[in-house]
């Protein structure tokens, strides 16, 4: 009986340690804030964790005449295969961080129409499916 309890307790402790070490998207989001380009003011940070979905999506109201920047931070490589795509209120893709097969760590978008925009993160060859992002603006 003691052996059974020890095995059950060991499995529980080991599985808890694995979950704790999997993804620290909060810390990665915080790392992205100071990486916004000069002149951009921080608006919001985003956690990027795959979970059970193929993508992670957030929305934000963009204002006409404002330039926005969205950057990506990952634990291993600069983007670790995380792609950010920006869609307008009609779900038309207006910007992406994957250009000609290359991953860039930030996109800038000069907003010409006020409205709800959708910020979508997908995973293209990602090893950890974990990252952070920051949204900034300048006028």
Protein backbone atom coordinates (compact mmCIF):
# COMPACT_ATOMS: atom_id res chain seq x y z
CA UNK A 1 0.00 0.00 0.00
CA UNK A 2 2.88 2.37 0.80
CA UNK A 3 4.41 1.71 -2.61
CA UNK A 4 1.11 2.50 -4.32
CA UNK A 5 0.75 5.77 -2.39
CA UNK A 6 4.34 6.70 -3.23
CA UNK A 7 3.78 6.04 -6.93
CA UNK A 8 0.55 8.04 -7.01
CA UNK A 9 2.14 10.94 -5.12
CA UNK A 10 5.23 10.88 -7.37
CA UNK A 11 3.12 10.97 -10.54
CA UNK A 12 1.09 13.88 -9.14
CA UNK A 13 4.19 15.89 -8.19
CA UNK A 14 5.93 15.25 -11.53
CA UNK A 15 2.84 16.15 -13.56
CA UNK A 16 2.46 19.37 -11.56
CA UNK A 17 6.07 20.34 -12.27
CA UNK A 18 5.58 19.75 -15.99
CA UNK A 19 2.50 22.01 -16.11
CA UNK A 20 4.30 24.79 -14.23
CA UNK A 21 7.23 24.76 -16.65
CA UNK A 22 5.23 24.62 -19.87
CA UNK A 23 4.42 28.22 -20.76
CA UNK A 24 5.00 31.55 -19.11
CA UNK A 25 3.15 33.74 -21.60
CA UNK A 26 2.72 36.49 -19.00
CA UNK A 27 6.49 36.95 -18.68
CA UNK A 28 6.91 36.82 -22.46
CA UNK A 29 4.20 39.48 -22.85
CA UNK A 30 6.01 41.69 -20.36
CA UNK A 31 9.29 41.22 -22.27
CA UNK A 32 7.61 42.50 -25.44
CA UNK A 33 6.58 45.86 -24.00
CA UNK A 34 10.03 47.51 -24.02
CA UNK A 35 10.71 46.03 -27.48
CA UNK A 36 8.12 48.29 -29.14
CA UNK A 37 9.83 50.59 -31.64
CA UNK A 38 10.83 54.07 -30.55
CA UNK A 39 7.92 56.50 -30.54
CA UNK A 40 5.27 53.84 -29.92
CA UNK A 41 3.26 53.98 -26.70
CA UNK A 42 2.22 50.73 -25.04
CA UNK A 43 -1.50 49.92 -25.17
CA UNK A 44 -2.01 46.26 -24.27
CA UNK A 45 -0.16 42.98 -23.91
CA UNK A 46 -1.42 39.60 -25.05
CA UNK A 47 -0.73 36.06 -23.91
CA UNK A 48 -0.22 33.53 -26.69
CA UNK A 49 -0.89 29.92 -25.66
CA UNK A 50 -2.21 27.39 -28.14
CA UNK A 51 -4.40 25.41 -25.81
CA UNK A 52 -6.95 23.35 -27.75
CA UNK A 53 -7.34 25.78 -30.66
CA UNK A 54 -5.42 26.27 -33.89
CA UNK A 55 -5.16 30.00 -33.25
CA UNK A 56 -5.50 32.66 -30.54
CA UNK A 57 -7.51 35.77 -31.32
CA UNK A 58 -8.10 39.12 -29.65
CA UNK A 59 -9.94 42.24 -30.80
CA UNK A 60 -9.16 45.92 -30.34
CA UNK A 61 -10.69 49.16 -31.62
CA UNK A 62 -8.21 50.96 -33.91
CA UNK A 63 -8.58 54.67 -34.67
CA UNK A 64 -8.17 56.33 -38.06
CA UNK A 65 -4.96 58.34 -38.37
CA UNK A 66 -3.08 56.24 -35.80
CA UNK A 67 -0.22 53.86 -36.53
CA UNK A 68 -0.19 50.60 -34.57
CA UNK A 69 2.61 48.13 -33.90
CA UNK A 70 2.22 44.53 -32.78
CA UNK A 71 5.30 42.56 -31.80
CA UNK A 72 5.90 38.94 -30.81
CA UNK A 73 8.20 37.49 -28.15
CA UNK A 74 8.94 33.78 -27.72
CA UNK A 75 11.13 31.86 -25.31
CA UNK A 76 13.45 30.20 -27.82
CA UNK A 77 13.75 31.86 -31.24
CA UNK A 78 12.61 35.43 -31.94
CA UNK A 79 9.11 34.26 -32.96
CA UNK A 80 9.29 30.43 -32.63
CA UNK A 81 6.92 30.07 -35.60
CA UNK A 82 4.24 32.33 -34.12
CA UNK A 83 2.58 34.43 -36.81
CA UNK A 84 0.47 37.49 -36.05
CA UNK A 85 -2.11 38.54 -38.61
CA UNK A 86 -4.30 41.62 -38.43
CA UNK A 87 -7.84 41.60 -39.84
CA UNK A 88 -10.18 44.55 -40.28
CA UNK A 89 -13.82 44.59 -39.16
CA UNK A 90 -14.84 42.77 -42.36
CA UNK A 91 -12.28 40.02 -41.63
CA UNK A 92 -9.99 41.09 -44.47
CA UNK A 93 -6.34 40.42 -43.70
CA UNK A 94 -4.52 43.78 -43.69
CA UNK A 95 -1.11 42.77 -42.28
CA UNK A 96 0.88 39.68 -41.30
CA UNK A 97 4.25 38.87 -39.77
CA UNK A 98 4.99 36.07 -42.25
CA UNK A 99 6.27 37.63 -45.47
CA UNK A 100 7.51 35.45 -48.35
CA UNK A 101 8.07 32.53 -45.98
CA UNK A 102 10.09 34.66 -43.54
CA UNK A 103 8.98 35.42 -39.98
CA UNK A 104 9.34 38.97 -38.68
CA UNK A 105 8.93 39.81 -35.02
CA UNK A 106 6.74 42.91 -35.48
CA UNK A 107 4.22 44.46 -37.83
CA UNK A 108 3.22 48.11 -38.17
CA UNK A 109 -0.16 49.17 -39.50
CA UNK A 110 -1.26 52.71 -40.38
CA UNK A 111 -5.00 52.72 -39.66
CA UNK A 112 -7.18 54.40 -42.30
CA UNK A 113 -10.58 53.36 -40.93
CA UNK A 114 -11.78 53.41 -37.32
CA UNK A 115 -13.28 50.09 -36.25
CA UNK A 116 -12.78 46.75 -34.57
CA UNK A 117 -9.67 44.92 -35.70
CA UNK A 118 -8.87 41.29 -34.98
CA UNK A 119 -5.38 40.27 -33.91
CA UNK A 120 -4.88 36.58 -34.65
CA UNK A 121 -1.89 34.46 -33.65
CA UNK A 122 -1.25 31.17 -35.45
CA UNK A 123 1.52 28.61 -35.12
CA UNK A 124 3.66 27.71 -38.13
CA UNK A 125 6.33 25.23 -37.06
CA UNK A 126 6.33 26.40 -33.46
CA UNK A 127 8.16 24.23 -30.94
CA UNK A 128 6.51 25.49 -27.76
CA UNK A 129 3.23 27.09 -28.92
CA UNK A 130 3.87 29.78 -26.34
CA UNK A 131 4.63 33.47 -26.55
CA UNK A 132 3.70 37.00 -25.70
CA UNK A 133 2.86 40.10 -27.64
CA UNK A 134 2.48 43.83 -27.16
CA UNK A 135 0.34 46.36 -28.99
CA UNK A 136 1.51 49.95 -29.25
CA UNK A 137 0.43 53.11 -31.05
CA UNK A 138 1.70 56.48 -32.22
CA UNK A 139 -0.05 59.41 -33.87
